[in-house]
Amino acid sequence: MFRRFCKPGVMTVARAELADAIAGTTFPAGGPDDVASSKVLFSDSDDEPPSHAKNIRMRQIGPEDMSAVADVLHHGFPNKSRGYFVEALYRLSVREPPKGTPQFGFLLEARTKVVGALLTIFSFSDGGEHPPVRCNVACWHVLPQFRVYASLLVLQVGRNPSVTYTNISAASGTWQTIEAQGFRRFSTGAFAGVPALSPRCHHVKVSGISLSTEGMGALAPHELKILRDHEQFGCTSLVCVSAEGVHPFVFRRRRVSRFPLPCAQLIYCRDLKDLSRFAGPIGRFLAMRGMTWMLVATSLPIEKMVGKYFQDKLPMYFKGPACPATGDLAYTEAALFGF
């Protein structure tokens, strides 16, 4: 069994009414159709460890569960505000996952009380005719007196052999366990750099998609969707236009402990070679918006960028048929929730 952790981060409430959601606002309809249908597995009281099997069940999270799920996750991660999880759940509620996959994830219920929750983010990993499905397993928590049943949630990870599951925030103490479960690393470390110090690129224009549509028509439809979706998530989506073509990038503003200034965490790029080539203009574009340094999940240093590579920092794992590309954290907890 492995535990998942949400990294510290700051989230901006997407809508004003989310302030009221802390008291239990109803979210938009459109959750899974089978929310109410699940098999009864075990039994226990609401407040004490169970003494015999009867009334514990695992089922998908529905819109009506949002308030209780936020309570459980806040209990597990007290360094986060309850509003953080309210907004995270709201962002899951308004996006459309691939057909037949959960909108939010799974919960454990003891009679009518939610005692555990696992958030999942399902998405398509590319724009092909039959694109493979990817699932980022986000934060989860089970109340202490019910942890004997935590495996009911954990077993949801890896159940579908056609889905690629990712774990991008594994605690160091869980690495051996995760690897024993069949997970492999697709990124072995992290690179911290100052791209604004990289050389200038002539005849290269960098612009945010909210300000300019230049060259957008040259992007593949799925890349255009990534840029627009992640702009809505609160990320910075931009394009580099050069003589060679249009190159999409997505970054997330993030604060890292012990560093006074926020960084730009790379969420998506087509190829890390593009990041190396356009580091200078991208870095100056981001610096003007308060992000003076960059954090990149990678297995190698970023060429032509001043910085340092840290082996075994923020390693990221996958399990399934399709290894994620290095530099692709689109539609993960890093993008939707912020660390």
Foldseek 3Di string as FASTA:
>chain_A
DFAADDDDWDADQLDPCLVVCLVPDQADADFDPCQPDWDQWAAADPPAARDTGDGKTKGADGSNCQNLQLVQVCVVVVVDDSSLSSRLLNLLRPDDAPPPDGSFAMFIDHHNHTFKTKGKFKHFQDDDPDGQIEIETHHMGGHPSYVVCVVVRVVVPPPDQRYKYKRQGGDPVCVVVVVVVPKDFPFFWKWKFFLQPFDDDPQKDKDFVVVDCPQVVVDDVVLNVLSVSLVSLVWTWMWIQHPVGIWIWIWHWTDDPPDPFIATETAATPDLLVCLVHSNVVSVVVVVVRHRMYMFRHHDYRPRTGTDIDGRHRTMIMHHDDRRHGRHNGRYCCRNSND
